Amino acid sequence: KKEEGKGCQASPLKEAAMVSVRNDIFILSLRQQVIFPAMRTSVSVSPQTFSELCDFCEKHNRTHVGVLTVDSSKSGSDEHYRTGSWCRIASHAQSTTKVGDREVSVVTLSMEGQCRFQVEKFTQTSPFHVANIRLL
């Protein structure tokens, strides 16, 4: 079985012959944050998003996700940029903080950018985004 994280760095000779396409990839949408290849960073997500991500990764045997930044500069609509980072989920931690009278849970994902990708086609947009991607 081909390893999920492989295929990011093709040699120039193999580049033309090796187009690395991944199908049915969970897309994690970020606002005001970008992850680049070779970068390790933390991303905070809601418990619901984390639950959806875990269910998807278990069902599809995934350890990597696509991370896209949302372009909110367009009037009123949240549109995804078409190029993002293919990331490995290194770890996660859940924490609870108190906001006023209520407790709010947040899951922090430690992400490692592996390489860039381009969205070929979104195959699902609700309740979360799934896409076919091409690694660059």
N, C-alpha and C. Protein backbone atom coordinates (compact mmCIF):
# COMPACT_ATOMS: atom_id res chain seq x y z
N LYS A 1 0.85 -1.19 0.00
CA LYS A 1 0.00 0.00 0.00
C LYS A 1 0.89 1.24 0.00
N LYS A 2 0.55 2.20 -0.81
CA LYS A 2 1.30 3.45 -0.89
C LYS A 2 1.07 4.27 0.37
N GLU A 3 2.16 4.79 0.93
CA GLU A 3 2.02 5.60 2.14
C GLU A 3 1.32 6.91 1.80
N GLU A 4 0.47 7.34 2.71
CA GLU A 4 -0.36 8.52 2.45
C GLU A 4 0.45 9.80 2.30
N GLY A 5 1.52 9.95 3.04
CA GLY A 5 2.30 11.18 3.01
C GLY A 5 3.31 11.24 1.88
N LYS A 6 3.54 10.13 1.19
CA LYS A 6 4.52 10.11 0.11
C LYS A 6 3.96 10.80 -1.13
N GLY A 7 4.86 11.21 -2.01
CA GLY A 7 4.43 11.80 -3.27
C GLY A 7 4.51 13.31 -3.29
N CYS A 8 4.97 13.92 -2.23
CA CYS A 8 5.04 15.38 -2.18
C CYS A 8 6.24 15.92 -2.94
N GLN A 9 7.34 15.19 -2.90
CA GLN A 9 8.55 15.71 -3.52
C GLN A 9 9.02 14.75 -4.59
N ALA A 10 8.63 15.00 -5.83
CA ALA A 10 9.06 14.18 -6.94
C ALA A 10 10.32 14.78 -7.55
N SER A 11 11.20 13.91 -8.04
CA SER A 11 12.38 14.43 -8.72
C SER A 11 11.95 15.03 -10.04
N PRO A 12 12.72 15.98 -10.61
CA PRO A 12 12.32 16.62 -11.86
C PRO A 12 12.07 15.62 -12.99
N LEU A 13 12.83 14.53 -13.05
CA LEU A 13 12.64 13.54 -14.11
C LEU A 13 11.33 12.79 -13.97
N LYS A 14 10.94 12.54 -12.74
CA LYS A 14 9.71 11.79 -12.50
C LYS A 14 8.48 12.68 -12.46
N GLU A 15 8.69 13.98 -12.35
CA GLU A 15 7.58 14.91 -12.15
C GLU A 15 6.51 14.80 -13.22
N ALA A 16 6.91 14.73 -14.48
CA ALA A 16 5.94 14.67 -15.58
C ALA A 16 5.15 13.37 -15.54
N ALA A 17 5.80 12.28 -15.15
CA ALA A 17 5.12 10.99 -15.14
C ALA A 17 4.32 10.77 -13.87
N MET A 18 4.68 11.45 -12.80
CA MET A 18 4.05 11.20 -11.51
C MET A 18 3.16 12.36 -11.09
N VAL A 19 1.90 12.25 -11.39
CA VAL A 19 0.94 13.23 -10.92
C VAL A 19 0.28 12.60 -9.70
N SER A 20 0.48 13.20 -8.56
CA SER A 20 0.00 12.62 -7.32
C SER A 20 -1.38 13.17 -6.97
N VAL A 21 -2.38 12.36 -7.23
CA VAL A 21 -3.76 12.75 -6.97
C VAL A 21 -4.27 11.96 -5.77
N ARG A 22 -4.96 12.63 -4.89
CA ARG A 22 -5.58 11.98 -3.73
C ARG A 22 -7.08 12.26 -3.81
N ASN A 23 -7.87 11.22 -3.61
CA ASN A 23 -9.32 11.36 -3.66
C ASN A 23 -9.92 11.32 -2.26
N ASP A 24 -11.02 12.01 -2.09
CA ASP A 24 -11.79 12.02 -0.84
C ASP A 24 -10.93 12.41 0.36
N ILE A 25 -10.43 13.64 0.32
CA ILE A 25 -9.59 14.18 1.37
C ILE A 25 -10.40 15.17 2.21
N PHE A 26 -10.34 15.01 3.52
CA PHE A 26 -11.00 15.93 4.44
C PHE A 26 -10.31 17.29 4.33
N ILE A 27 -11.09 18.34 4.13
CA ILE A 27 -10.54 19.70 4.02
C ILE A 27 -10.87 20.45 5.31
N LEU A 28 -9.81 20.86 5.99
CA LEU A 28 -9.95 21.67 7.20
C LEU A 28 -9.87 23.13 6.79
N SER A 29 -10.92 23.88 7.07
CA SER A 29 -11.00 25.29 6.68
C SER A 29 -10.49 26.18 7.80
N LEU A 30 -9.56 27.06 7.47
CA LEU A 30 -9.00 27.98 8.46
C LEU A 30 -9.30 29.42 8.06
N ARG A 31 -9.50 30.25 9.05
CA ARG A 31 -9.68 31.69 8.84
C ARG A 31 -8.46 32.38 9.43
N GLN A 32 -7.90 33.30 8.68
CA GLN A 32 -6.78 34.13 9.13
C GLN A 32 -5.57 33.31 9.59
N GLN A 33 -5.38 32.15 8.99
CA GLN A 33 -4.21 31.33 9.30
C GLN A 33 -3.84 30.52 8.07
N VAL A 34 -2.55 30.43 7.81
CA VAL A 34 -2.03 29.66 6.68
C VAL A 34 -0.98 28.71 7.20
N ILE A 35 -0.98 27.48 6.69
CA ILE A 35 0.07 26.52 7.02
C ILE A 35 0.88 26.28 5.75
N PHE A 36 2.20 26.34 5.89
CA PHE A 36 3.10 26.12 4.77
C PHE A 36 3.81 24.78 4.93
N PRO A 37 4.33 24.21 3.83
CA PRO A 37 5.12 22.98 3.94
C PRO A 37 6.31 23.20 4.88
N ALA A 38 6.71 22.15 5.57
CA ALA A 38 7.83 22.15 6.51
C ALA A 38 7.56 23.01 7.75
N MET A 39 6.31 23.34 7.99
CA MET A 39 5.93 24.16 9.13
C MET A 39 5.12 23.30 10.10
N ARG A 40 5.40 23.46 11.39
CA ARG A 40 4.60 22.78 12.41
C ARG A 40 3.90 23.86 13.22
N THR A 41 2.60 23.71 13.35
CA THR A 41 1.82 24.73 14.05
C THR A 41 0.62 24.09 14.74
N SER A 42 -0.03 24.86 15.57
CA SER A 42 -1.24 24.41 16.25
C SER A 42 -2.45 25.10 15.66
N VAL A 43 -3.52 24.33 15.56
CA VAL A 43 -4.78 24.83 15.02
C VAL A 43 -5.88 24.46 16.01
N SER A 44 -6.70 25.42 16.38
CA SER A 44 -7.82 25.16 17.29
C SER A 44 -9.09 24.92 16.50
N VAL A 45 -9.79 23.85 16.86
CA VAL A 45 -11.06 23.51 16.20
C VAL A 45 -12.10 23.20 17.26
N SER A 46 -13.35 23.25 16.87
CA SER A 46 -14.43 22.93 17.79
C SER A 46 -14.48 21.41 18.02
N PRO A 47 -15.04 20.99 19.14
CA PRO A 47 -15.20 19.55 19.37
C PRO A 47 -16.00 18.86 18.26
N GLN A 48 -16.99 19.56 17.68
CA GLN A 48 -17.79 18.99 16.60
C GLN A 48 -16.92 18.74 15.37
N THR A 49 -16.10 19.73 14.99
CA THR A 49 -15.20 19.57 13.83
C THR A 49 -14.22 18.44 14.09
N PHE A 50 -13.69 18.36 15.31
CA PHE A 50 -12.75 17.29 15.65
C PHE A 50 -13.43 15.93 15.56
N SER A 51 -14.65 15.83 16.03
CA SER A 51 -15.39 14.57 15.96
C SER A 51 -15.61 14.15 14.50
N GLU A 52 -16.01 15.11 13.65
CA GLU A 52 -16.20 14.82 12.22
C GLU A 52 -14.89 14.39 11.57
N LEU A 53 -13.81 15.07 11.93
CA LEU A 53 -12.49 14.74 11.40
C LEU A 53 -12.07 13.33 11.82
N CYS A 54 -12.23 13.01 13.09
CA CYS A 54 -11.87 11.67 13.59
C CYS A 54 -12.69 10.57 12.91
N ASP A 55 -13.99 10.77 12.82
CA ASP A 55 -14.86 9.78 12.17
C ASP A 55 -14.43 9.56 10.72
N PHE A 56 -14.16 10.66 10.01
CA PHE A 56 -13.76 10.58 8.61
C PHE A 56 -12.41 9.85 8.47
N CYS A 57 -11.43 10.24 9.30
CA CYS A 57 -10.10 9.63 9.22
C CYS A 57 -10.15 8.14 9.55
N GLU A 58 -10.94 7.75 10.53
CA GLU A 58 -11.08 6.34 10.87
C GLU A 58 -11.76 5.57 9.74
N LYS A 59 -12.80 6.13 9.18
CA LYS A 59 -13.55 5.47 8.10
C LYS A 59 -12.69 5.30 6.85
N HIS A 60 -11.86 6.31 6.52
CA HIS A 60 -11.07 6.29 5.29
C HIS A 60 -9.60 5.98 5.52
N ASN A 61 -9.24 5.60 6.75
CA ASN A 61 -7.86 5.24 7.10
C ASN A 61 -6.88 6.35 6.72
N ARG A 62 -7.11 7.56 7.22
CA ARG A 62 -6.31 8.74 6.89
C ARG A 62 -5.51 9.24 8.09
N THR A 63 -4.32 9.76 7.79
CA THR A 63 -3.51 10.45 8.80
C THR A 63 -3.19 11.87 8.35
N HIS A 64 -3.58 12.21 7.11
CA HIS A 64 -3.31 13.53 6.54
C HIS A 64 -4.63 14.19 6.14
N VAL A 65 -4.63 15.51 6.17
CA VAL A 65 -5.80 16.29 5.73
C VAL A 65 -5.32 17.42 4.84
N GLY A 66 -6.23 17.98 4.09
CA GLY A 66 -5.94 19.18 3.33
C GLY A 66 -6.35 20.39 4.16
N VAL A 67 -5.50 21.41 4.19
CA VAL A 67 -5.81 22.62 4.95
C VAL A 67 -5.90 23.78 3.96
N LEU A 68 -7.06 24.41 3.92
CA LEU A 68 -7.29 25.56 3.04
C LEU A 68 -7.68 26.77 3.88
N THR A 69 -7.21 27.92 3.45
CA THR A 69 -7.62 29.17 4.07
C THR A 69 -8.90 29.65 3.39
N VAL A 70 -9.79 30.19 4.18
CA VAL A 70 -11.05 30.74 3.66
C VAL A 70 -10.82 32.20 3.28
N ASP A 71 -11.22 32.54 2.06
CA ASP A 71 -11.12 33.91 1.58
C ASP A 71 -12.40 34.64 1.95
N SER A 72 -12.36 35.40 3.03
CA SER A 72 -13.56 36.10 3.48
C SER A 72 -13.57 37.56 3.01
N SER A 73 -12.67 37.90 2.09
CA SER A 73 -12.62 39.27 1.60
C SER A 73 -13.74 39.58 0.61
N LYS A 74 -14.31 38.53 0.02
CA LYS A 74 -15.42 38.74 -0.92
C LYS A 74 -16.67 39.06 -0.13
N SER A 75 -17.45 39.95 -0.62
CA SER A 75 -18.61 40.47 0.11
C SER A 75 -19.57 39.37 0.58
N GLY A 76 -19.49 39.11 1.89
CA GLY A 76 -20.46 38.22 2.52
C GLY A 76 -20.29 36.73 2.30
N SER A 77 -19.49 36.30 1.33
CA SER A 77 -19.38 34.87 1.09
C SER A 77 -18.02 34.35 1.54
N ASP A 78 -18.02 33.16 2.08
CA ASP A 78 -16.78 32.51 2.49
C ASP A 78 -16.40 31.50 1.42
N GLU A 79 -15.36 31.81 0.69
CA GLU A 79 -14.92 30.96 -0.41
C GLU A 79 -13.52 30.46 -0.10
N HIS A 80 -13.27 29.19 -0.40
CA HIS A 80 -11.96 28.61 -0.16
C HIS A 80 -10.98 29.00 -1.26
N TYR A 81 -9.74 29.26 -0.85
CA TYR A 81 -8.68 29.35 -1.84
C TYR A 81 -8.51 27.95 -2.43
N ARG A 82 -8.01 27.83 -3.64
CA ARG A 82 -7.89 26.53 -4.32
C ARG A 82 -6.56 25.84 -4.05
N THR A 83 -5.60 26.54 -3.46
CA THR A 83 -4.30 25.95 -3.14
C THR A 83 -4.11 25.99 -1.63
N GLY A 84 -3.65 24.86 -1.09
CA GLY A 84 -3.46 24.77 0.35
C GLY A 84 -2.30 23.88 0.69
N SER A 85 -2.24 23.41 1.93
CA SER A 85 -1.17 22.53 2.39
C SER A 85 -1.71 21.17 2.79
N TRP A 86 -1.00 20.15 2.35
CA TRP A 86 -1.25 18.76 2.71
C TRP A 86 -0.55 18.55 4.04
N CYS A 87 -1.30 18.24 5.10
CA CYS A 87 -0.74 18.22 6.44
C CYS A 87 -0.95 16.89 7.15
N ARG A 88 0.03 16.53 7.95
CA ARG A 88 -0.07 15.36 8.82
C ARG A 88 -0.54 15.86 10.18
N ILE A 89 -1.49 15.13 10.76
CA ILE A 89 -1.95 15.45 12.11
C ILE A 89 -0.99 14.75 13.07
N ALA A 90 -0.16 15.54 13.76
CA ALA A 90 0.86 14.98 14.65
C ALA A 90 0.27 14.58 16.00
N SER A 91 -0.61 15.41 16.55
CA SER A 91 -1.21 15.11 17.85
C SER A 91 -2.41 16.02 18.07
N HIS A 92 -3.11 15.77 19.16
CA HIS A 92 -4.25 16.63 19.52
C HIS A 92 -4.37 16.67 21.04
N ALA A 93 -5.01 17.74 21.52
CA ALA A 93 -5.26 17.90 22.95
C ALA A 93 -6.55 18.70 23.11
N GLN A 94 -7.34 18.32 24.10
CA GLN A 94 -8.60 19.03 24.36
C GLN A 94 -8.46 19.82 25.65
N SER A 95 -8.98 21.03 25.62
CA SER A 95 -8.95 21.86 26.82
C SER A 95 -10.29 22.56 26.98
N THR A 96 -10.54 22.99 28.20
CA THR A 96 -11.78 23.71 28.51
C THR A 96 -11.41 25.01 29.20
N THR A 97 -12.03 26.08 28.73
CA THR A 97 -11.81 27.38 29.37
C THR A 97 -13.16 27.96 29.75
N LYS A 98 -13.14 28.86 30.70
CA LYS A 98 -14.38 29.48 31.15
C LYS A 98 -14.53 30.83 30.48
N VAL A 99 -15.67 31.02 29.82
CA VAL A 99 -16.00 32.29 29.19
C VAL A 99 -17.28 32.79 29.86
N GLY A 100 -17.13 33.78 30.69
CA GLY A 100 -18.29 34.25 31.46
C GLY A 100 -18.75 33.18 32.42
N ASP A 101 -20.02 32.79 32.28
CA ASP A 101 -20.59 31.76 33.16
C ASP A 101 -20.51 30.36 32.57
N ARG A 102 -20.05 30.24 31.34
CA ARG A 102 -20.07 28.92 30.70
C ARG A 102 -18.66 28.43 30.36
N GLU A 103 -18.55 27.10 30.25
CA GLU A 103 -17.29 26.48 29.87
C GLU A 103 -17.31 26.19 28.37
N VAL A 104 -16.19 26.46 27.70
CA VAL A 104 -16.07 26.24 26.26
C VAL A 104 -14.93 25.25 26.03
N SER A 105 -15.22 24.19 25.28
CA SER A 105 -14.20 23.20 24.94
C SER A 105 -13.61 23.51 23.58
N VAL A 106 -12.30 23.32 23.49
CA VAL A 106 -11.57 23.53 22.24
C VAL A 106 -10.58 22.38 22.08
N VAL A 107 -10.43 21.90 20.85
CA VAL A 107 -9.44 20.88 20.55
C VAL A 107 -8.31 21.54 19.77
N THR A 108 -7.09 21.33 20.22
CA THR A 108 -5.93 21.89 19.54
C THR A 108 -5.22 20.77 18.79
N LEU A 109 -5.09 20.94 17.48
CA LEU A 109 -4.40 19.97 16.63
C LEU A 109 -3.00 20.47 16.36
N SER A 110 -2.03 19.59 16.48
CA SER A 110 -0.66 19.91 16.08
C SER A 110 -0.52 19.39 14.65
N MET A 111 -0.27 20.31 13.71
CA MET A 111 -0.23 19.97 12.28
C MET A 111 1.16 20.18 11.72
N GLU A 112 1.58 19.29 10.82
CA GLU A 112 2.86 19.43 10.13
C GLU A 112 2.58 19.54 8.64
N GLY A 113 2.92 20.68 8.06
CA GLY A 113 2.75 20.86 6.62
C GLY A 113 3.73 19.98 5.86
N GLN A 114 3.23 19.21 4.90
CA GLN A 114 4.06 18.29 4.13
C GLN A 114 4.40 18.87 2.75
N CYS A 115 3.40 19.33 2.05
CA CYS A 115 3.60 19.93 0.73
C CYS A 115 2.34 20.70 0.34
N ARG A 116 2.40 21.40 -0.78
CA ARG A 116 1.23 22.14 -1.25
C ARG A 116 0.35 21.22 -2.08
N PHE A 117 -0.91 21.61 -2.21
CA PHE A 117 -1.83 20.88 -3.08
C PHE A 117 -2.78 21.87 -3.74
N GLN A 118 -3.42 21.39 -4.79
CA GLN A 118 -4.44 22.18 -5.48
C GLN A 118 -5.72 21.35 -5.53
N VAL A 119 -6.84 21.99 -5.24
CA VAL A 119 -8.13 21.30 -5.29
C VAL A 119 -8.49 21.02 -6.75
N GLU A 120 -8.75 19.77 -7.03
CA GLU A 120 -9.23 19.38 -8.35
C GLU A 120 -10.75 19.54 -8.41
N LYS A 121 -11.42 19.07 -7.32
CA LYS A 121 -12.88 19.12 -7.28
C LYS A 121 -13.36 18.87 -5.86
N PHE A 122 -14.29 19.70 -5.40
CA PHE A 122 -14.95 19.44 -4.12
C PHE A 122 -16.00 18.37 -4.36
N THR A 123 -15.96 17.30 -3.58
CA THR A 123 -16.93 16.21 -3.73
C THR A 123 -18.01 16.27 -2.66
N GLN A 124 -17.79 17.11 -1.62
CA GLN A 124 -18.77 17.29 -0.55
C GLN A 124 -18.53 18.66 0.06
N THR A 125 -19.61 19.36 0.39
CA THR A 125 -19.47 20.67 1.02
C THR A 125 -20.22 20.78 2.35
N SER A 126 -20.98 19.76 2.70
CA SER A 126 -21.72 19.82 3.95
C SER A 126 -21.81 18.41 4.54
N PRO A 127 -21.66 18.23 5.82
CA PRO A 127 -21.45 19.21 6.88
C PRO A 127 -19.99 19.72 6.93
N PHE A 128 -19.09 19.08 6.18
CA PHE A 128 -17.70 19.54 6.08
C PHE A 128 -17.26 19.33 4.63
N HIS A 129 -16.13 19.93 4.26
CA HIS A 129 -15.66 19.83 2.88
C HIS A 129 -14.78 18.59 2.67
N VAL A 130 -14.98 17.95 1.53
CA VAL A 130 -14.16 16.84 1.08
C VAL A 130 -13.81 17.13 -0.37
N ALA A 131 -12.57 16.83 -0.75
CA ALA A 131 -12.15 17.17 -2.11
C ALA A 131 -11.20 16.13 -2.68
N ASN A 132 -11.12 16.11 -4.00
CA ASN A 132 -10.06 15.41 -4.70
C ASN A 132 -8.98 16.45 -4.94
N ILE A 133 -7.73 16.10 -4.60
CA ILE A 133 -6.64 17.07 -4.68
C ILE A 133 -5.48 16.53 -5.50
N ARG A 134 -4.64 17.45 -5.96
CA ARG A 134 -3.40 17.10 -6.66
C ARG A 134 -2.25 17.71 -5.89
N LEU A 135 -1.30 16.87 -5.44
CA LEU A 135 -0.15 17.36 -4.71
C LEU A 135 0.79 18.07 -5.67
N LEU A 136 1.32 19.21 -5.23
CA LEU A 136 2.21 20.01 -6.08
C LEU A 136 3.66 19.85 -5.66
